């Protein structure tokens, strides 16, 4: 394990093999980018990259706005009431949004789409329980456990939903002309560059990961702003200057002008990265002075500790968005800050649009919390806050 940015750079640059730890997810995504062997990982990544160029990403703007507005409508109906499970509500909207940006399939055609949320939570929960009970990492004991039965029943449910999406995409009249993720994979499948099972698992990973990371990031930023009303007020004043009326939808240019909101998002992801660690495997010696990580080692990068290293960050437990002013960023090593995001630009655009739309309309409040350190968390594959929020109109 290391938290030195220079070491982290060496590991992330030279050790592309994922840790065998991720093999425990093989029942869900064994042929996806997350756990593929290096040679196949490079091949898949090269094939997938064209679906996420700047032109295609910018075309997602209207989709992000649409589902952000739906989120505001939900909060309007629930104004003033305590929201104890806001993550699930946001996740429903980001799941619709992810489907609408990764495919040409209309979300209303996939009746069971929302089932992916509880199924994903179940898969993550069993995965983490296996990790915490070392004897379950031995396949003999895992195969005989009740947790494995739960895991084995959840995986086909998730795959059935994704297969339905793929089937609808194959029937779509727009699919052949689209460069979006799933239509692109189907074209590759037709030319024998990628198999049916690989499409299933790449789509499973991309749809769930992009929607869940976005939902969790939005929820955590809202939680932080509820705790720090002075920072929330600065965000609001910036939004008023860029979006003079509540009904104005943010354009791409508007979003690019929300500098303070972007710094708030980044500082939130520094203190509470939703993916708290990265695991890699090295098949050759890696020299990190004065030590050597020998070939055959699992390498653990605890992002949550890296982001709070007092040698890099002054007052590391203080919430301070101005850490991400340009002149301060240039003084830090580039690997001192490595928040997980499934496609950073995709994630930042969707998060900024949803937060801008919500915070221009509502003020968020938390109950009796004075610091982010008082938040209780569920430590699953991703960090999830256990907290209630309420929303009051900003009009």
Protein backbone atom coordinates (compact mmCIF):
# COMPACT_ATOMS: atom_id res chain seq x y z
CA UNK A 1 0.00 0.00 0.00
CA UNK A 2 1.16 3.53 -0.69
CA UNK A 3 -0.25 7.05 -0.50
CA UNK A 4 2.70 8.88 -2.06
CA UNK A 5 1.57 10.56 -5.30
CA UNK A 6 4.83 9.64 -7.09
CA UNK A 7 4.29 5.97 -6.21
CA UNK A 8 0.64 6.14 -7.23
CA UNK A 9 1.64 7.51 -10.63
CA UNK A 10 4.05 4.61 -11.16
CA UNK A 11 1.42 2.06 -10.18
CA UNK A 12 -1.36 3.51 -12.34
CA UNK A 13 1.00 3.96 -15.30
CA UNK A 14 2.86 0.64 -15.17
CA UNK A 15 0.46 -1.80 -13.49
CA UNK A 16 -2.57 -2.11 -15.74
CA UNK A 17 -3.56 -5.59 -14.52
CA UNK A 18 -6.47 -5.53 -12.11
CA UNK A 19 -6.11 -7.31 -8.77
CA UNK A 20 -7.47 -10.89 -8.57
CA UNK A 21 -9.75 -9.42 -5.88
CA UNK A 22 -12.03 -8.21 -8.70
CA UNK A 23 -12.42 -11.76 -9.96
CA UNK A 24 -15.03 -12.14 -7.22
CA UNK A 25 -17.31 -10.06 -9.46
CA UNK A 26 -16.87 -12.50 -12.32
CA UNK A 27 -20.46 -13.67 -12.19
CA UNK A 28 -21.56 -10.19 -13.23
CA UNK A 29 -18.92 -8.53 -15.40
CA UNK A 30 -16.06 -10.94 -16.18
CA UNK A 31 -15.76 -9.74 -19.80
CA UNK A 32 -15.94 -5.99 -19.03
CA UNK A 33 -13.30 -3.27 -18.84
CA UNK A 34 -13.18 -3.55 -15.04
CA UNK A 35 -11.56 -6.98 -14.85
CA UNK A 36 -10.35 -7.91 -18.34
CA UNK A 37 -6.76 -9.05 -18.82
CA UNK A 38 -4.49 -6.23 -20.01
CA UNK A 39 -4.30 -7.21 -23.69
CA UNK A 40 -8.09 -7.53 -23.95
CA UNK A 41 -8.61 -4.41 -21.82
CA UNK A 42 -6.55 -2.34 -24.28
CA UNK A 43 -8.45 -3.81 -27.22
CA UNK A 44 -11.87 -3.12 -25.67
CA UNK A 45 -10.92 0.38 -24.59
CA UNK A 46 -9.72 1.23 -28.10
CA UNK A 47 -13.01 -0.02 -29.53
CA UNK A 48 -15.17 1.85 -27.00
CA UNK A 49 -13.42 5.25 -26.98
CA UNK A 50 -15.11 6.57 -30.19
CA UNK A 51 -18.46 6.55 -28.34
CA UNK A 52 -17.24 9.20 -25.89
CA UNK A 53 -15.65 11.92 -28.02
CA UNK A 54 -16.44 15.58 -27.29
CA UNK A 55 -19.13 15.92 -29.96
CA UNK A 56 -21.06 12.91 -28.68
CA UNK A 57 -20.69 13.95 -25.04
CA UNK A 58 -21.97 17.45 -25.78
CA UNK A 59 -25.01 15.94 -27.50
CA UNK A 60 -26.03 14.44 -24.14
CA UNK A 61 -26.68 17.89 -22.67
CA UNK A 62 -30.42 17.98 -23.40
CA UNK A 63 -30.88 14.51 -21.91
CA UNK A 64 -29.16 15.53 -18.67
CA UNK A 65 -31.35 18.65 -18.48
CA UNK A 66 -34.55 16.65 -19.07
CA UNK A 67 -33.97 14.24 -16.19
CA UNK A 68 -32.66 16.98 -13.92
CA UNK A 69 -35.97 18.77 -14.44
CA UNK A 70 -37.81 15.58 -13.53
CA UNK A 71 -35.79 15.47 -10.32
CA UNK A 72 -36.87 19.05 -9.54
CA UNK A 73 -40.52 18.08 -10.13
CA UNK A 74 -40.18 15.26 -7.59
CA UNK A 75 -38.64 17.61 -5.01
CA UNK A 76 -41.37 20.19 -5.66
CA UNK A 77 -44.03 17.63 -4.76
CA UNK A 78 -42.05 16.63 -1.65
CA UNK A 79 -40.98 20.14 -0.61
CA UNK A 80 -40.34 20.47 3.12
CA UNK A 81 -40.64 16.75 3.81
CA UNK A 82 -37.74 14.68 5.06
CA UNK A 83 -36.04 12.58 2.37
CA UNK A 84 -34.48 9.53 3.99
CA UNK A 85 -33.51 7.68 0.79
CA UNK A 86 -32.76 10.41 -1.71
CA UNK A 87 -30.02 8.32 -3.36
CA UNK A 88 -32.59 5.89 -4.78
CA UNK A 89 -34.73 8.72 -6.19
CA UNK A 90 -31.73 10.42 -7.83
CA UNK A 91 -30.51 7.04 -9.07
CA UNK A 92 -33.81 6.43 -10.87
CA UNK A 93 -33.30 9.67 -12.81
CA UNK A 94 -29.62 9.05 -13.54
CA UNK A 95 -30.46 5.51 -14.66
CA UNK A 96 -33.02 6.87 -17.15
CA UNK A 97 -30.46 9.46 -18.21
CA UNK A 98 -27.69 6.86 -18.65
CA UNK A 99 -29.97 4.64 -20.75
CA UNK A 100 -30.94 7.61 -22.92
CA UNK A 101 -27.30 8.61 -23.52
CA UNK A 102 -25.74 5.16 -23.95
CA UNK A 103 -28.46 3.80 -26.24
CA UNK A 104 -31.21 4.93 -28.61
CA UNK A 105 -33.78 3.02 -26.52
CA UNK A 106 -36.50 5.06 -24.82
CA UNK A 107 -36.50 4.38 -21.04
CA UNK A 108 -40.28 3.81 -20.97
CA UNK A 109 -39.82 0.74 -23.19
CA UNK A 110 -37.82 -1.05 -20.47
CA UNK A 111 -40.52 -1.63 -17.89
CA UNK A 112 -38.22 -3.45 -15.45
CA UNK A 113 -35.34 -0.92 -15.70
CA UNK A 114 -35.72 0.26 -12.09
CA UNK A 115 -35.19 -3.32 -10.85
CA UNK A 116 -31.50 -2.78 -11.57
CA UNK A 117 -31.23 -0.54 -8.51
CA UNK A 118 -32.13 -3.03 -5.72
CA UNK A 119 -30.39 -5.84 -7.62
CA UNK A 120 -27.18 -3.80 -7.86
CA UNK A 121 -27.34 -2.97 -4.16
CA UNK A 122 -27.75 -6.69 -3.37
CA UNK A 123 -24.77 -7.64 -5.58
CA UNK A 124 -22.59 -4.95 -3.98
CA UNK A 125 -23.63 -5.98 -0.49
CA UNK A 126 -22.83 -9.67 -1.00
CA UNK A 127 -19.52 -8.75 -2.66
CA UNK A 128 -18.43 -6.64 0.30
CA UNK A 129 -19.60 -9.24 2.83
CA UNK A 130 -17.48 -11.81 1.03
CA UNK A 131 -14.50 -9.47 1.23
CA UNK A 132 -14.96 -8.96 4.98
CA UNK A 133 -15.22 -12.69 5.74
CA UNK A 134 -11.86 -14.05 4.64
CA UNK A 135 -12.97 -17.69 4.55
CA UNK A 136 -15.54 -16.80 1.88
CA UNK A 137 -12.69 -15.77 -0.43
CA UNK A 138 -11.97 -19.51 -0.68
CA UNK A 139 -14.25 -20.78 -3.46
CA UNK A 140 -15.08 -24.03 -1.66
CA UNK A 141 -16.68 -22.17 1.27
CA UNK A 142 -18.18 -19.46 -0.94
CA UNK A 143 -19.99 -21.98 -3.14
CA UNK A 144 -21.68 -23.50 -0.08
CA UNK A 145 -22.66 -20.17 1.53
CA UNK A 146 -26.11 -18.54 1.61
CA UNK A 147 -24.51 -15.33 0.35
CA UNK A 148 -23.46 -17.09 -2.84
CA UNK A 149 -27.06 -18.23 -3.38
CA UNK A 150 -28.18 -14.58 -3.08
CA UNK A 151 -25.43 -13.48 -5.45
CA UNK A 152 -26.25 -16.19 -7.98
CA UNK A 153 -29.94 -15.25 -7.97
CA UNK A 154 -29.26 -11.52 -8.39
CA UNK A 155 -26.92 -11.78 -11.39
CA UNK A 156 -29.42 -13.33 -13.85
CA UNK A 157 -32.00 -10.70 -12.87
CA UNK A 158 -29.58 -7.90 -13.76
CA UNK A 159 -28.57 -9.59 -17.01
CA UNK A 160 -32.21 -10.14 -18.01
CA UNK A 161 -32.83 -6.38 -17.84
CA UNK A 162 -29.69 -5.62 -19.85
CA UNK A 163 -30.53 -8.28 -22.45
CA UNK A 164 -33.94 -6.65 -22.89
CA UNK A 165 -32.22 -3.30 -23.52
CA UNK A 166 -29.88 -4.90 -26.08
CA UNK A 167 -32.84 -6.57 -27.81
CA UNK A 168 -34.71 -3.25 -28.05
CA UNK A 169 -31.56 -1.56 -29.40
CA UNK A 170 -31.23 -4.15 -32.15
CA UNK A 171 -34.83 -3.35 -33.21
CA UNK A 172 -34.37 0.44 -33.06
CA UNK A 173 -34.63 2.28 -36.36
CA UNK A 174 -32.08 4.83 -35.12
CA UNK A 175 -29.44 2.34 -34.00
CA UNK A 176 -27.65 1.98 -37.35
CA UNK A 177 -26.92 5.72 -37.61
CA UNK A 178 -25.99 6.27 -33.96
CA UNK A 179 -22.47 6.46 -32.52
CA UNK A 180 -23.69 5.98 -28.95
CA UNK A 181 -22.20 3.28 -26.78
CA UNK A 182 -24.58 0.34 -27.27
CA UNK A 183 -25.26 0.89 -31.01
CA UNK A 184 -21.47 1.10 -31.47
CA UNK A 185 -20.98 -2.23 -29.65
CA UNK A 186 -23.69 -3.87 -31.77
CA UNK A 187 -21.93 -2.73 -34.96
CA UNK A 188 -18.69 -4.24 -33.63
CA UNK A 189 -20.61 -7.43 -32.87
CA UNK A 190 -21.88 -7.60 -36.44
CA UNK A 191 -18.29 -7.47 -37.71
CA UNK A 192 -17.22 -10.16 -35.19
CA UNK A 193 -15.00 -7.78 -33.18
CA UNK A 194 -16.93 -8.36 -29.96
CA UNK A 195 -19.09 -11.26 -28.73
CA UNK A 196 -22.67 -11.18 -27.44
CA UNK A 197 -21.54 -11.93 -23.88
CA UNK A 198 -19.03 -9.08 -24.01
CA UNK A 199 -21.76 -6.66 -25.10
CA UNK A 200 -23.92 -7.82 -22.20
CA UNK A 201 -21.22 -7.28 -19.60
CA UNK A 202 -19.80 -4.02 -20.98
CA UNK A 203 -23.32 -2.60 -21.08
CA UNK A 204 -24.07 -3.86 -17.56
CA UNK A 205 -20.98 -2.17 -16.19
CA UNK A 206 -21.38 1.09 -18.08
CA UNK A 207 -25.09 1.55 -17.36
CA UNK A 208 -24.92 0.77 -13.66
CA UNK A 209 -21.58 2.43 -12.91
CA UNK A 210 -22.34 5.68 -14.73
CA UNK A 211 -25.79 6.05 -13.16
CA UNK A 212 -24.77 5.03 -9.63
CA UNK A 213 -21.63 7.17 -9.44
CA UNK A 214 -23.55 10.20 -10.70
CA UNK A 215 -26.40 9.66 -8.23
CA UNK A 216 -24.06 9.20 -5.28
CA UNK A 217 -21.94 12.23 -6.19
CA UNK A 218 -25.03 14.45 -6.49
CA UNK A 219 -26.38 13.16 -3.17
CA UNK A 220 -23.09 13.67 -1.31
CA UNK A 221 -22.64 17.21 -2.67
CA UNK A 222 -26.20 18.08 -1.59
CA UNK A 223 -25.44 16.64 1.84
CA UNK A 224 -22.24 18.69 2.18
CA UNK A 225 -24.01 21.89 1.10
CA UNK A 226 -26.77 21.21 3.63
CA UNK A 227 -24.12 21.10 6.35
CA UNK A 228 -22.32 24.27 5.17
CA UNK A 229 -25.00 26.91 4.36
CA UNK A 230 -22.40 29.64 3.74
CA UNK A 231 -20.88 27.59 0.91
CA UNK A 232 -24.35 26.75 -0.38
CA UNK A 233 -25.15 30.47 -0.51
CA UNK A 234 -22.03 31.13 -2.63
CA UNK A 235 -23.14 28.38 -5.02
CA UNK A 236 -26.61 29.92 -5.19
CA UNK A 237 -25.29 33.40 -5.93
CA UNK A 238 -23.16 32.01 -8.75
CA UNK A 239 -26.22 30.19 -10.14
CA UNK A 240 -28.32 33.35 -10.02
CA UNK A 241 -25.65 35.25 -11.97
CA UNK A 242 -25.50 32.53 -14.65
CA UNK A 243 -29.18 31.46 -14.61
CA UNK A 244 -31.22 34.64 -13.90
CA UNK A 245 -34.53 32.76 -13.73
CA UNK A 246 -35.45 29.41 -12.21
CA UNK A 247 -37.03 28.23 -15.46
CA UNK A 248 -33.89 28.83 -17.55
CA UNK A 249 -32.28 25.53 -18.51
CA UNK A 250 -28.48 25.62 -18.26
CA UNK A 251 -26.71 25.57 -21.63
CA UNK A 252 -23.27 24.07 -22.20
CA UNK A 253 -21.84 27.59 -21.99
CA UNK A 254 -23.69 28.21 -18.71
CA UNK A 255 -22.30 25.00 -17.24
CA UNK A 256 -18.75 25.97 -18.20
CA UNK A 257 -19.16 29.23 -16.24
CA UNK A 258 -20.08 27.51 -12.96
CA UNK A 259 -16.54 27.54 -11.59
CA UNK A 260 -17.39 27.66 -7.89
CA UNK A 261 -19.87 24.78 -8.19
CA UNK A 262 -17.18 22.76 -9.97
CA UNK A 263 -14.74 23.45 -7.11
CA UNK A 264 -17.38 22.35 -4.58
CA UNK A 265 -17.87 19.08 -6.48
CA UNK A 266 -14.12 18.46 -6.62
CA UNK A 267 -13.61 19.21 -2.93
CA UNK A 268 -16.49 16.86 -2.08
CA UNK A 269 -14.87 14.12 -4.17
CA UNK A 270 -11.56 14.80 -2.42
CA UNK A 271 -12.94 14.33 1.08
CA UNK A 272 -15.36 11.52 0.30
CA UNK A 273 -14.40 9.77 -2.96
CA UNK A 274 -17.24 7.40 -3.72
CA UNK A 275 -14.71 4.74 -4.74
CA UNK A 276 -12.39 4.76 -1.71
CA UNK A 277 -9.62 2.57 -3.13
CA UNK A 278 -7.99 1.14 -6.26
CA UNK A 279 -6.46 -2.35 -6.51
CA UNK A 280 -3.87 -3.35 -9.08
CA UNK A 281 -1.60 -6.36 -9.62
CA UNK A 282 2.04 -6.24 -10.74
CA UNK A 283 3.78 -8.99 -12.70
CA UNK A 284 7.15 -7.23 -12.45
CA UNK A 285 9.11 -5.47 -9.70
CA UNK A 286 8.06 -1.85 -9.18
CA UNK A 287 10.64 0.41 -7.56
CA UNK A 288 9.20 3.09 -5.29
CA UNK A 289 12.23 4.52 -3.45
CA UNK A 290 13.46 3.24 -1.11
CA UNK A 291 11.24 0.16 -1.50
CA UNK A 292 10.47 -2.41 -4.17
CA UNK A 293 7.01 -3.87 -4.67
CA UNK A 294 7.89 -7.39 -5.87
CA UNK A 295 6.33 -9.08 -8.87
CA UNK A 296 3.19 -10.98 -7.89
CA UNK A 297 2.02 -8.29 -5.44
CA UNK A 298 -1.45 -6.86 -5.05
CA UNK A 299 -1.08 -3.07 -4.91
CA UNK A 300 -3.55 -1.10 -2.84
CA UNK A 301 -4.08 2.65 -3.40
CA UNK A 302 -6.36 4.04 -0.65
CA UNK A 303 -7.78 7.09 -2.42
CA UNK A 304 -9.51 8.22 0.74
CA UNK A 305 -6.12 8.49 2.55
CA UNK A 306 -4.31 9.93 -0.48
CA UNK A 307 -6.85 12.76 -0.56
CA UNK A 308 -6.31 13.56 3.12
CA UNK A 309 -2.52 13.37 3.22
CA UNK A 310 -1.35 16.31 5.40
CA UNK A 311 1.89 16.46 3.42
CA UNK A 312 -0.13 17.40 0.35
CA UNK A 313 -3.22 19.10 1.74
CA UNK A 314 -3.12 21.78 4.44
CA UNK A 315 -5.85 21.20 7.05
CA UNK A 316 -6.90 18.09 5.10
CA UNK A 317 -10.17 17.56 6.99
CA UNK A 318 -11.42 21.09 6.34
CA UNK A 319 -13.93 21.52 3.51
CA UNK A 320 -12.41 24.22 1.30
CA UNK A 321 -13.43 24.45 -2.40
CA UNK A 322 -10.70 27.02 -3.05
CA UNK A 323 -8.14 24.22 -2.96
CA UNK A 324 -9.13 23.79 -6.60
CA UNK A 325 -8.35 27.28 -7.79
CA UNK A 326 -6.05 26.97 -10.85
CA UNK A 327 -2.94 28.37 -9.14
CA UNK A 328 -3.26 25.84 -6.30
CA UNK A 329 -3.84 22.87 -8.60
CA UNK A 330 -0.58 23.53 -10.47
CA UNK A 331 1.40 23.26 -7.22
CA UNK A 332 0.25 19.69 -6.53
CA UNK A 333 1.36 16.42 -8.07
CA UNK A 334 -1.18 15.26 -10.64
CA UNK A 335 -1.72 11.98 -8.76
CA UNK A 336 -2.42 13.65 -5.42
CA UNK A 337 -6.08 13.81 -6.50
CA UNK A 338 -7.60 10.86 -8.36
CA UNK A 339 -11.34 10.72 -7.71
CA UNK A 340 -13.10 7.83 -9.39
CA UNK A 341 -15.54 8.79 -12.09
CA UNK A 342 -16.76 6.55 -14.89
CA UNK A 343 -15.57 8.86 -17.64
CA UNK A 344 -14.67 12.06 -15.81
CA UNK A 345 -16.07 14.49 -18.39
CA UNK A 346 -19.36 12.56 -18.75
CA UNK A 347 -19.69 12.40 -14.99
CA UNK A 348 -18.84 16.06 -14.35
CA UNK A 349 -21.29 17.31 -16.99
CA UNK A 350 -24.20 15.24 -15.68
CA UNK A 351 -23.44 16.09 -12.02
CA UNK A 352 -23.10 19.83 -12.69
CA UNK A 353 -26.34 20.00 -14.68
CA UNK A 354 -28.37 18.15 -12.05
CA UNK A 355 -26.91 20.12 -9.14
CA UNK A 356 -27.34 23.44 -10.95
CA UNK A 357 -30.98 22.64 -11.72
CA UNK A 358 -31.76 21.53 -8.15
CA UNK A 359 -29.84 24.26 -6.31
CA UNK A 360 -31.21 27.07 -8.48
CA UNK A 361 -34.67 25.98 -7.34
CA UNK A 362 -34.17 24.70 -3.78
CA UNK A 363 -32.20 25.23 -0.62
CA UNK A 364 -31.10 21.95 0.94
CA UNK A 365 -31.05 21.35 4.68
CA UNK A 366 -29.62 18.61 6.89
CA UNK A 367 -30.75 17.84 10.40
CA UNK A 368 -28.43 18.68 13.31
CA UNK A 369 -25.10 18.15 11.52
CA UNK A 370 -22.30 20.70 11.92
CA UNK A 371 -19.52 18.92 10.04
CA UNK A 372 -19.11 16.38 7.24
CA UNK A 373 -17.28 14.20 9.79
CA UNK A 374 -20.61 13.58 11.56
CA UNK A 375 -22.09 11.82 8.52
CA UNK A 376 -22.68 8.08 8.92
CA UNK A 377 -21.70 5.95 5.92
CA UNK A 378 -22.48 2.60 4.39
CA UNK A 379 -19.16 1.19 3.23
CA UNK A 380 -20.08 -0.93 0.23
CA UNK A 381 -18.24 -0.89 -3.10
CA UNK A 382 -19.08 2.82 -3.10
CA UNK A 383 -19.46 5.17 -0.13
CA UNK A 384 -23.12 5.91 0.62
CA UNK A 385 -24.23 8.50 3.21
CA UNK A 386 -26.94 7.57 5.70
CA UNK A 387 -28.65 10.92 6.22
CA UNK A 388 -31.97 12.70 5.77
CA UNK A 389 -32.29 15.87 3.68
CA UNK A 390 -35.11 18.35 3.16
CA UNK A 391 -35.61 20.95 0.41
CA UNK A 392 -37.13 24.43 0.60
CA UNK A 393 -37.91 26.61 -2.41
CA UNK A 394 -35.33 29.28 -3.25
CA UNK A 395 -37.96 31.52 -4.87
